Amino acid sequence: MSMERKPRPAEVGPFKVEQLRPGDRYELSQGHAFYCAPTGADGARRVGTGFTVLDTDPAVNEAGVDTGYALDAGTLRAPDIAVGHVPDRPGWVTDGVPPLAVEYAGQCQDETALGTKIDELLARGTRYLWVIRLTEPRHVEIHEPGQLVRTVGLDGVLEAPGVLQNPVPVRTLFEREAAHQ
C-alpha cells in the first residue's frame, strides 16, 4: 500500500519547540505548527486499549500516551502511544525517539500531516511505526525505515522484535474485550 503525500514547505516556519508547553494542542514540523484536535470517542477508547496491551508486554519498561519528542529546535512530535524511551521527568524528551510509535487514524485524519510525522520519527530512529486505521476495513499499517508499508488485517498479528516480547493480535488494539484476554 502506498500513501501519496503532498510535499512539505521548503522554508522553515517561525515556531520553536521552546514556545510550546505540555498541554498545548500543537505539534511542530520544521517550525510549522499543526493543530492537534481533541480525540474523538472512537480514537480515545482505542488509544486506552492499545496502551494497556503494549504497556503490559513483559519487555516494556517505559510507555506513554502523547509523549512529546523534540526532534530539533523546530520539530516536536507526540505519538498517540510511545513504547520505549519515555523517561520519568518533566518536559519534552530531547535525547531520542521511541523505538515503537503508534498513531490511531480516524476518518478526519490529516493524511499529509500524518505522513510527515511518520517520516520525521522514522528518520530520527523510530524502528516501527504502526498506524491503526479506525475506518473500515480496520487494519494496521506497519512503517519501518527503508521498507515498503505493510498492511495487517483485523485477524492478523503484529511483531516488534527487540521492543516487544509477545506478538500483538491486531484485534486487541481495537477491541477492549480482546485486549483484556
N, C-alpha and C. Protein backbone atom coordinates (compact mmCIF):
# COMPACT_ATOMS: atom_id res chain seq x y z
N MET A 1 0.85 -1.17 0.00
CA MET A 1 0.00 0.00 0.00
C MET A 1 0.89 1.23 0.00
N SER A 2 0.61 2.17 -0.83
CA SER A 2 1.40 3.38 -0.91
C SER A 2 0.53 4.58 -0.56
N MET A 3 1.07 5.47 0.25
CA MET A 3 0.35 6.69 0.58
C MET A 3 0.96 7.83 -0.22
N GLU A 4 0.15 8.56 -0.95
CA GLU A 4 0.62 9.72 -1.67
C GLU A 4 0.65 10.90 -0.71
N ARG A 5 1.79 11.57 -0.66
CA ARG A 5 1.96 12.66 0.29
C ARG A 5 2.26 13.94 -0.45
N LYS A 6 1.68 15.01 0.04
CA LYS A 6 1.98 16.33 -0.51
C LYS A 6 3.35 16.76 0.00
N PRO A 7 4.10 17.50 -0.80
CA PRO A 7 5.41 17.94 -0.33
C PRO A 7 5.29 18.93 0.83
N ARG A 8 6.27 18.89 1.70
CA ARG A 8 6.34 19.82 2.83
C ARG A 8 6.82 21.17 2.34
N PRO A 9 6.47 22.23 3.05
CA PRO A 9 7.01 23.53 2.69
C PRO A 9 8.54 23.51 2.80
N ALA A 10 9.22 24.09 1.83
CA ALA A 10 10.68 24.10 1.83
C ALA A 10 11.24 25.03 2.89
N GLU A 11 10.53 26.12 3.18
CA GLU A 11 11.03 27.08 4.14
C GLU A 11 10.73 26.63 5.57
N VAL A 12 11.58 27.07 6.49
CA VAL A 12 11.40 26.77 7.90
C VAL A 12 10.40 27.78 8.47
N GLY A 13 9.47 27.28 9.26
CA GLY A 13 8.45 28.14 9.85
C GLY A 13 8.97 28.91 11.05
N PRO A 14 8.14 29.78 11.62
CA PRO A 14 8.59 30.68 12.68
C PRO A 14 8.58 30.10 14.10
N PHE A 15 8.00 28.93 14.29
CA PHE A 15 7.80 28.42 15.65
C PHE A 15 8.95 27.55 16.12
N LYS A 16 9.20 27.58 17.43
CA LYS A 16 10.25 26.79 18.07
C LYS A 16 9.63 25.92 19.15
N VAL A 17 10.25 24.77 19.39
CA VAL A 17 9.78 23.85 20.42
C VAL A 17 9.69 24.55 21.77
N GLU A 18 10.64 25.41 22.08
CA GLU A 18 10.67 26.09 23.38
C GLU A 18 9.45 26.97 23.63
N GLN A 19 8.69 27.30 22.57
CA GLN A 19 7.49 28.12 22.73
C GLN A 19 6.28 27.31 23.17
N LEU A 20 6.37 25.99 23.09
CA LEU A 20 5.26 25.13 23.46
C LEU A 20 5.44 24.60 24.88
N ARG A 21 4.32 24.35 25.53
CA ARG A 21 4.30 23.80 26.89
C ARG A 21 3.44 22.54 26.89
N PRO A 22 3.72 21.61 27.81
CA PRO A 22 2.85 20.44 27.90
C PRO A 22 1.39 20.87 28.01
N GLY A 23 0.55 20.21 27.27
CA GLY A 23 -0.88 20.54 27.24
C GLY A 23 -1.27 21.40 26.05
N ASP A 24 -0.31 22.06 25.40
CA ASP A 24 -0.63 22.81 24.19
C ASP A 24 -1.09 21.82 23.12
N ARG A 25 -2.03 22.22 22.30
CA ARG A 25 -2.63 21.32 21.31
C ARG A 25 -1.94 21.43 19.95
N TYR A 26 -0.62 21.56 19.97
CA TYR A 26 0.12 21.69 18.71
C TYR A 26 1.32 20.76 18.70
N GLU A 27 1.64 20.30 17.51
CA GLU A 27 2.92 19.68 17.23
C GLU A 27 3.59 20.58 16.20
N LEU A 28 4.90 20.44 16.07
CA LEU A 28 5.65 21.26 15.13
C LEU A 28 6.41 20.39 14.15
N SER A 29 6.53 20.87 12.92
CA SER A 29 7.36 20.25 11.90
C SER A 29 8.12 21.35 11.19
N GLN A 30 9.42 21.36 11.36
CA GLN A 30 10.29 22.36 10.73
C GLN A 30 9.76 23.78 10.98
N GLY A 31 9.31 24.03 12.20
CA GLY A 31 8.83 25.35 12.58
C GLY A 31 7.41 25.67 12.16
N HIS A 32 6.71 24.71 11.55
CA HIS A 32 5.31 24.89 11.16
C HIS A 32 4.44 24.19 12.19
N ALA A 33 3.42 24.89 12.69
CA ALA A 33 2.54 24.33 13.71
C ALA A 33 1.40 23.53 13.08
N PHE A 34 1.10 22.39 13.69
CA PHE A 34 -0.04 21.56 13.31
C PHE A 34 -0.96 21.48 14.52
N TYR A 35 -2.19 21.92 14.35
CA TYR A 35 -3.17 21.84 15.44
C TYR A 35 -3.57 20.38 15.63
N CYS A 36 -3.58 19.94 16.87
CA CYS A 36 -3.99 18.58 17.20
C CYS A 36 -5.33 18.65 17.92
N ALA A 37 -6.38 18.40 17.19
CA ALA A 37 -7.73 18.49 17.75
C ALA A 37 -7.93 17.43 18.82
N PRO A 38 -8.86 17.66 19.74
CA PRO A 38 -9.18 16.63 20.73
C PRO A 38 -9.57 15.33 20.02
N THR A 39 -9.23 14.23 20.64
CA THR A 39 -9.51 12.92 20.07
C THR A 39 -11.00 12.60 20.19
N GLY A 40 -11.56 12.06 19.12
CA GLY A 40 -12.95 11.62 19.15
C GLY A 40 -13.10 10.40 20.04
N ALA A 41 -14.33 10.07 20.38
CA ALA A 41 -14.59 8.97 21.30
C ALA A 41 -14.03 7.65 20.79
N ASP A 42 -14.16 7.36 19.48
CA ASP A 42 -13.65 6.09 18.96
C ASP A 42 -12.14 5.99 19.14
N GLY A 43 -11.42 7.07 18.84
CA GLY A 43 -9.98 7.07 19.00
C GLY A 43 -9.54 7.02 20.45
N ALA A 44 -10.21 7.77 21.30
CA ALA A 44 -9.85 7.82 22.72
C ALA A 44 -9.98 6.44 23.36
N ARG A 45 -11.05 5.75 23.05
CA ARG A 45 -11.23 4.39 23.60
C ARG A 45 -10.13 3.46 23.11
N ARG A 46 -9.81 3.56 21.82
CA ARG A 46 -8.83 2.66 21.24
C ARG A 46 -7.42 2.95 21.74
N VAL A 47 -7.07 4.21 21.94
CA VAL A 47 -5.74 4.54 22.47
C VAL A 47 -5.57 3.94 23.86
N GLY A 48 -6.59 4.03 24.70
CA GLY A 48 -6.52 3.43 26.02
C GLY A 48 -6.35 1.93 25.96
N THR A 49 -7.09 1.30 25.06
CA THR A 49 -6.99 -0.15 24.88
C THR A 49 -5.60 -0.54 24.38
N GLY A 50 -5.13 0.16 23.35
CA GLY A 50 -3.81 -0.14 22.79
C GLY A 50 -2.69 0.07 23.80
N PHE A 51 -2.79 1.15 24.56
CA PHE A 51 -1.77 1.41 25.58
C PHE A 51 -1.71 0.26 26.58
N THR A 52 -2.85 -0.21 27.04
CA THR A 52 -2.90 -1.30 28.01
C THR A 52 -2.20 -2.54 27.45
N VAL A 53 -2.50 -2.88 26.20
CA VAL A 53 -1.91 -4.06 25.58
C VAL A 53 -0.39 -3.92 25.50
N LEU A 54 0.08 -2.79 25.01
CA LEU A 54 1.52 -2.61 24.79
C LEU A 54 2.28 -2.41 26.09
N ASP A 55 1.73 -1.69 27.03
CA ASP A 55 2.40 -1.42 28.29
C ASP A 55 2.57 -2.66 29.15
N THR A 56 1.74 -3.67 28.96
CA THR A 56 1.81 -4.88 29.77
C THR A 56 2.69 -5.96 29.14
N ASP A 57 3.30 -5.68 27.99
CA ASP A 57 4.24 -6.64 27.40
C ASP A 57 5.43 -6.78 28.36
N PRO A 58 5.90 -8.01 28.61
CA PRO A 58 6.99 -8.21 29.56
C PRO A 58 8.29 -7.47 29.22
N ALA A 59 8.53 -7.17 27.96
CA ALA A 59 9.77 -6.49 27.57
C ALA A 59 9.69 -4.97 27.72
N VAL A 60 8.49 -4.43 27.97
CA VAL A 60 8.30 -2.98 28.01
C VAL A 60 8.54 -2.44 29.41
N ASN A 61 9.51 -1.51 29.51
CA ASN A 61 9.80 -0.85 30.78
C ASN A 61 9.23 0.56 30.82
N GLU A 62 9.03 1.17 29.64
CA GLU A 62 8.54 2.54 29.57
C GLU A 62 7.56 2.66 28.41
N ALA A 63 6.42 3.28 28.67
CA ALA A 63 5.45 3.56 27.62
C ALA A 63 4.69 4.81 28.05
N GLY A 64 4.16 5.53 27.07
CA GLY A 64 3.42 6.75 27.40
C GLY A 64 2.42 7.09 26.31
N VAL A 65 1.51 7.98 26.66
CA VAL A 65 0.49 8.48 25.74
C VAL A 65 0.78 9.96 25.49
N ASP A 66 0.83 10.34 24.22
CA ASP A 66 1.08 11.74 23.81
C ASP A 66 2.38 12.31 24.37
N THR A 67 3.41 11.49 24.48
CA THR A 67 4.72 11.95 24.95
C THR A 67 5.34 12.85 23.88
N GLY A 68 5.80 14.02 24.26
CA GLY A 68 6.38 14.97 23.31
C GLY A 68 7.87 14.74 23.11
N TYR A 69 8.27 14.54 21.84
CA TYR A 69 9.67 14.34 21.46
C TYR A 69 10.13 15.54 20.65
N ALA A 70 11.10 16.28 21.19
CA ALA A 70 11.69 17.41 20.48
C ALA A 70 12.79 16.85 19.58
N LEU A 71 12.50 16.78 18.28
CA LEU A 71 13.43 16.19 17.33
C LEU A 71 14.53 17.17 16.93
N ASP A 72 14.21 18.45 16.96
CA ASP A 72 15.16 19.53 16.74
C ASP A 72 14.49 20.81 17.24
N ALA A 73 15.12 21.96 17.04
CA ALA A 73 14.59 23.21 17.59
C ALA A 73 13.22 23.57 17.06
N GLY A 74 12.85 23.08 15.87
CA GLY A 74 11.56 23.43 15.28
C GLY A 74 10.62 22.26 15.06
N THR A 75 10.94 21.10 15.64
CA THR A 75 10.11 19.92 15.42
C THR A 75 9.80 19.23 16.73
N LEU A 76 8.52 19.11 17.04
CA LEU A 76 8.04 18.42 18.23
C LEU A 76 6.94 17.46 17.80
N ARG A 77 7.12 16.19 18.09
CA ARG A 77 6.13 15.18 17.73
C ARG A 77 5.69 14.41 18.95
N ALA A 78 4.39 14.05 18.99
CA ALA A 78 3.82 13.32 20.12
C ALA A 78 2.98 12.17 19.59
N PRO A 79 3.57 10.98 19.47
CA PRO A 79 2.78 9.83 19.03
C PRO A 79 1.65 9.53 20.02
N ASP A 80 0.56 8.98 19.52
CA ASP A 80 -0.54 8.60 20.42
C ASP A 80 -0.03 7.68 21.52
N ILE A 81 0.79 6.70 21.13
CA ILE A 81 1.41 5.80 22.10
C ILE A 81 2.89 5.69 21.74
N ALA A 82 3.75 5.82 22.74
CA ALA A 82 5.18 5.62 22.57
C ALA A 82 5.59 4.44 23.45
N VAL A 83 6.33 3.50 22.87
CA VAL A 83 6.82 2.35 23.62
C VAL A 83 8.35 2.41 23.63
N GLY A 84 8.90 2.54 24.82
CA GLY A 84 10.33 2.69 24.99
C GLY A 84 10.72 4.15 24.92
N HIS A 85 11.74 4.49 25.64
CA HIS A 85 12.29 5.84 25.72
C HIS A 85 11.22 6.88 26.11
N VAL A 86 10.60 6.60 27.26
CA VAL A 86 9.65 7.54 27.87
C VAL A 86 10.15 7.80 29.28
N PRO A 87 11.13 8.71 29.41
CA PRO A 87 11.71 8.95 30.73
C PRO A 87 10.70 9.58 31.70
N ASP A 88 10.90 9.31 32.96
CA ASP A 88 10.03 9.85 34.01
C ASP A 88 10.62 11.17 34.51
N ARG A 89 10.45 12.21 33.69
CA ARG A 89 10.95 13.54 34.05
C ARG A 89 10.08 14.58 33.35
N PRO A 90 10.05 15.79 33.86
CA PRO A 90 9.23 16.82 33.23
C PRO A 90 9.81 17.28 31.90
N GLY A 91 8.95 17.85 31.07
CA GLY A 91 9.38 18.44 29.81
C GLY A 91 9.40 17.47 28.66
N TRP A 92 9.86 17.98 27.53
CA TRP A 92 9.92 17.19 26.31
C TRP A 92 11.10 16.23 26.38
N VAL A 93 10.99 15.14 25.65
CA VAL A 93 12.12 14.22 25.51
C VAL A 93 13.00 14.80 24.41
N THR A 94 14.25 15.09 24.74
CA THR A 94 15.15 15.76 23.80
C THR A 94 16.30 14.88 23.33
N ASP A 95 16.36 13.66 23.82
CA ASP A 95 17.51 12.81 23.51
C ASP A 95 17.14 11.51 22.81
N GLY A 96 16.18 11.56 21.91
CA GLY A 96 15.83 10.37 21.15
C GLY A 96 14.34 10.24 20.91
N VAL A 97 13.97 9.10 20.36
CA VAL A 97 12.59 8.81 19.99
C VAL A 97 12.23 7.42 20.49
N PRO A 98 10.95 7.09 20.52
CA PRO A 98 10.57 5.74 20.93
C PRO A 98 10.89 4.74 19.83
N PRO A 99 11.33 3.54 20.18
CA PRO A 99 11.56 2.54 19.15
C PRO A 99 10.26 2.07 18.47
N LEU A 100 9.13 2.15 19.20
CA LEU A 100 7.82 1.84 18.63
C LEU A 100 6.89 3.01 18.90
N ALA A 101 6.33 3.55 17.84
CA ALA A 101 5.34 4.63 17.96
C ALA A 101 4.05 4.15 17.31
N VAL A 102 2.92 4.54 17.90
CA VAL A 102 1.61 4.13 17.41
C VAL A 102 0.75 5.37 17.21
N GLU A 103 0.10 5.43 16.07
CA GLU A 103 -0.85 6.50 15.76
C GLU A 103 -2.20 5.87 15.43
N TYR A 104 -3.25 6.39 16.02
CA TYR A 104 -4.61 5.98 15.67
C TYR A 104 -5.14 7.01 14.67
N ALA A 105 -5.68 6.54 13.54
CA ALA A 105 -6.14 7.43 12.48
C ALA A 105 -7.59 7.14 12.13
N GLY A 106 -8.45 8.15 12.33
CA GLY A 106 -9.86 8.03 12.03
C GLY A 106 -10.21 8.72 10.72
N GLN A 107 -11.49 8.90 10.50
CA GLN A 107 -11.98 9.42 9.22
C GLN A 107 -11.56 10.86 8.94
N CYS A 108 -11.27 11.65 9.96
CA CYS A 108 -10.89 13.05 9.75
C CYS A 108 -9.38 13.26 9.79
N GLN A 109 -8.62 12.20 9.71
CA GLN A 109 -7.17 12.28 9.79
C GLN A 109 -6.60 13.14 8.67
N ASP A 110 -5.71 14.07 9.01
CA ASP A 110 -4.96 14.84 8.02
C ASP A 110 -3.82 13.95 7.54
N GLU A 111 -3.98 13.35 6.38
CA GLU A 111 -3.02 12.38 5.86
C GLU A 111 -1.66 13.00 5.56
N THR A 112 -1.65 14.24 5.13
CA THR A 112 -0.38 14.91 4.85
C THR A 112 0.42 15.09 6.13
N ALA A 113 -0.25 15.59 7.17
CA ALA A 113 0.43 15.78 8.46
C ALA A 113 0.89 14.45 9.04
N LEU A 114 0.07 13.41 8.91
CA LEU A 114 0.44 12.09 9.40
C LEU A 114 1.66 11.57 8.65
N GLY A 115 1.68 11.71 7.34
CA GLY A 115 2.82 11.25 6.55
C GLY A 115 4.11 11.94 6.94
N THR A 116 4.03 13.24 7.19
CA THR A 116 5.21 14.00 7.61
C THR A 116 5.69 13.51 8.98
N LYS A 117 4.75 13.28 9.88
CA LYS A 117 5.09 12.79 11.23
C LYS A 117 5.78 11.43 11.15
N ILE A 118 5.25 10.55 10.33
CA ILE A 118 5.84 9.22 10.15
C ILE A 118 7.27 9.37 9.64
N ASP A 119 7.46 10.15 8.59
CA ASP A 119 8.79 10.35 8.01
C ASP A 119 9.77 10.89 9.04
N GLU A 120 9.33 11.90 9.82
CA GLU A 120 10.23 12.52 10.79
C GLU A 120 10.64 11.55 11.90
N LEU A 121 9.70 10.79 12.43
CA LEU A 121 10.02 9.85 13.51
C LEU A 121 10.93 8.72 13.00
N LEU A 122 10.63 8.18 11.82
CA LEU A 122 11.47 7.12 11.27
C LEU A 122 12.87 7.63 10.97
N ALA A 123 12.98 8.85 10.46
CA ALA A 123 14.29 9.43 10.13
C ALA A 123 15.13 9.65 11.38
N ARG A 124 14.48 9.84 12.53
CA ARG A 124 15.22 10.11 13.77
C ARG A 124 15.51 8.85 14.58
N GLY A 125 15.02 7.69 14.14
CA GLY A 125 15.39 6.45 14.83
C GLY A 125 14.26 5.56 15.30
N THR A 126 13.01 5.97 15.13
CA THR A 126 11.91 5.05 15.46
C THR A 126 12.01 3.84 14.53
N ARG A 127 11.96 2.65 15.09
CA ARG A 127 12.12 1.43 14.30
C ARG A 127 10.81 0.93 13.70
N TYR A 128 9.74 1.11 14.43
CA TYR A 128 8.42 0.65 13.99
C TYR A 128 7.41 1.76 14.25
N LEU A 129 6.60 2.05 13.29
CA LEU A 129 5.50 3.00 13.49
C LEU A 129 4.24 2.33 12.94
N TRP A 130 3.31 2.08 13.86
CA TRP A 130 2.06 1.43 13.47
C TRP A 130 0.96 2.48 13.39
N VAL A 131 0.28 2.50 12.25
CA VAL A 131 -0.89 3.36 12.10
C VAL A 131 -2.11 2.46 12.19
N ILE A 132 -2.89 2.67 13.23
CA ILE A 132 -4.09 1.89 13.48
C ILE A 132 -5.24 2.62 12.78
N ARG A 133 -5.77 2.02 11.73
CA ARG A 133 -6.82 2.65 10.93
C ARG A 133 -8.19 2.31 11.51
N LEU A 134 -8.89 3.35 11.99
CA LEU A 134 -10.20 3.18 12.61
C LEU A 134 -11.33 3.10 11.60
N THR A 135 -11.04 3.40 10.35
CA THR A 135 -12.05 3.33 9.30
C THR A 135 -12.14 1.89 8.78
N GLU A 136 -13.25 1.57 8.16
CA GLU A 136 -13.46 0.22 7.63
C GLU A 136 -12.77 0.07 6.28
N PRO A 137 -12.18 -1.04 5.99
CA PRO A 137 -11.95 -2.17 6.90
C PRO A 137 -10.81 -1.83 7.86
N ARG A 138 -11.01 -2.17 9.10
CA ARG A 138 -10.00 -1.86 10.11
C ARG A 138 -8.74 -2.68 9.85
N HIS A 139 -7.61 -2.00 9.98
CA HIS A 139 -6.32 -2.64 9.74
C HIS A 139 -5.22 -1.80 10.35
N VAL A 140 -3.99 -2.31 10.28
CA VAL A 140 -2.82 -1.60 10.77
C VAL A 140 -1.82 -1.50 9.63
N GLU A 141 -1.25 -0.30 9.48
CA GLU A 141 -0.15 -0.11 8.53
C GLU A 141 1.14 -0.14 9.33
N ILE A 142 2.10 -0.90 8.85
CA ILE A 142 3.40 -1.01 9.52
C ILE A 142 4.42 -0.24 8.70
N HIS A 143 5.01 0.78 9.32
CA HIS A 143 6.04 1.59 8.68
C HIS A 143 7.37 1.29 9.35
N GLU A 144 8.39 1.00 8.55
CA GLU A 144 9.74 0.78 9.03
C GLU A 144 10.70 1.51 8.10
N PRO A 145 11.82 2.00 8.63
CA PRO A 145 12.76 2.71 7.76
C PRO A 145 13.22 1.85 6.59
N GLY A 146 13.17 2.41 5.40
CA GLY A 146 13.67 1.74 4.22
C GLY A 146 12.82 0.59 3.72
N GLN A 147 11.64 0.39 4.28
CA GLN A 147 10.77 -0.72 3.88
C GLN A 147 9.48 -0.19 3.28
N LEU A 148 8.87 -0.98 2.41
CA LEU A 148 7.54 -0.65 1.92
C LEU A 148 6.54 -0.81 3.06
N VAL A 149 5.50 -0.02 3.03
CA VAL A 149 4.45 -0.12 4.04
C VAL A 149 3.75 -1.46 3.89
N ARG A 150 3.57 -2.14 5.02
CA ARG A 150 2.81 -3.40 5.04
C ARG A 150 1.50 -3.17 5.75
N THR A 151 0.48 -3.92 5.36
CA THR A 151 -0.83 -3.82 5.97
C THR A 151 -1.20 -5.16 6.58
N VAL A 152 -1.73 -5.11 7.81
CA VAL A 152 -2.16 -6.32 8.50
C VAL A 152 -3.62 -6.12 8.91
N GLY A 153 -4.46 -7.10 8.56
CA GLY A 153 -5.88 -7.02 8.84
C GLY A 153 -6.23 -7.33 10.28
N LEU A 154 -7.49 -7.18 10.59
CA LEU A 154 -8.02 -7.32 11.95
C LEU A 154 -7.69 -8.67 12.58
N ASP A 155 -7.58 -9.72 11.79
CA ASP A 155 -7.29 -11.05 12.34
C ASP A 155 -5.80 -11.39 12.33
N GLY A 156 -4.96 -10.42 11.95
CA GLY A 156 -3.52 -10.65 11.89
C GLY A 156 -2.83 -10.42 13.22
N VAL A 157 -1.50 -10.52 13.18
CA VAL A 157 -0.66 -10.37 14.36
C VAL A 157 0.50 -9.44 14.00
N LEU A 158 0.87 -8.58 14.96
CA LEU A 158 1.99 -7.65 14.78
C LEU A 158 3.15 -8.08 15.66
N GLU A 159 4.36 -7.80 15.19
CA GLU A 159 5.55 -8.06 15.99
C GLU A 159 6.48 -6.86 15.90
N ALA A 160 7.22 -6.64 16.98
CA ALA A 160 8.23 -5.58 17.02
C ALA A 160 9.45 -6.16 17.74
N PRO A 161 10.24 -6.99 17.02
CA PRO A 161 11.41 -7.63 17.63
C PRO A 161 12.35 -6.60 18.24
N GLY A 162 12.84 -6.90 19.43
CA GLY A 162 13.73 -6.00 20.13
C GLY A 162 13.02 -4.94 20.95
N VAL A 163 11.71 -4.83 20.77
CA VAL A 163 10.91 -3.85 21.53
C VAL A 163 9.86 -4.58 22.35
N LEU A 164 9.12 -5.47 21.71
CA LEU A 164 8.08 -6.25 22.38
C LEU A 164 8.51 -7.71 22.45
N GLN A 165 8.15 -8.37 23.53
CA GLN A 165 8.43 -9.80 23.65
C GLN A 165 7.36 -10.63 22.96
N ASN A 166 6.11 -10.21 23.12
CA ASN A 166 4.99 -11.01 22.63
C ASN A 166 4.41 -10.45 21.33
N PRO A 167 3.93 -11.34 20.46
CA PRO A 167 3.18 -10.86 19.30
C PRO A 167 1.89 -10.19 19.77
N VAL A 168 1.41 -9.23 18.98
CA VAL A 168 0.21 -8.47 19.35
C VAL A 168 -0.89 -8.76 18.33
N PRO A 169 -1.94 -9.47 18.74
CA PRO A 169 -3.07 -9.64 17.83
C PRO A 169 -3.68 -8.27 17.50
N VAL A 170 -3.86 -7.99 16.23
CA VAL A 170 -4.38 -6.69 15.80
C VAL A 170 -5.70 -6.39 16.49
N ARG A 171 -6.55 -7.35 16.62
CA ARG A 171 -7.86 -7.16 17.24
C ARG A 171 -7.76 -6.52 18.63
N THR A 172 -6.66 -6.81 19.37
CA THR A 172 -6.51 -6.29 20.72
C THR A 172 -6.26 -4.78 20.73
N LEU A 173 -5.86 -4.21 19.60
CA LEU A 173 -5.64 -2.77 19.51
C LEU A 173 -6.93 -2.01 19.21
N PHE A 174 -7.99 -2.75 18.90
CA PHE A 174 -9.30 -2.18 18.58
C PHE A 174 -10.37 -2.51 19.62
N GLU A 175 -10.32 -3.72 20.16
CA GLU A 175 -11.42 -4.23 20.98
C GLU A 175 -10.99 -4.44 22.43
N ARG A 176 -11.66 -3.75 23.33
CA ARG A 176 -11.34 -3.80 24.75
C ARG A 176 -11.42 -5.22 25.30
N GLU A 177 -12.46 -5.96 24.92
CA GLU A 177 -12.65 -7.32 25.42
C GLU A 177 -11.49 -8.21 24.99
N ALA A 178 -11.05 -8.08 23.74
CA ALA A 178 -9.93 -8.87 23.25
C ALA A 178 -8.64 -8.47 23.97
N ALA A 179 -8.47 -7.19 24.23
CA ALA A 179 -7.27 -6.71 24.92
C ALA A 179 -7.18 -7.27 26.33
N HIS A 180 -8.30 -7.41 27.00
CA HIS A 180 -8.30 -7.89 28.37
C HIS A 180 -8.05 -9.40 28.47
N GLN A 181 -8.15 -10.09 27.36
CA GLN A 181 -7.84 -11.52 27.36
C GLN A 181 -6.36 -11.67 27.21
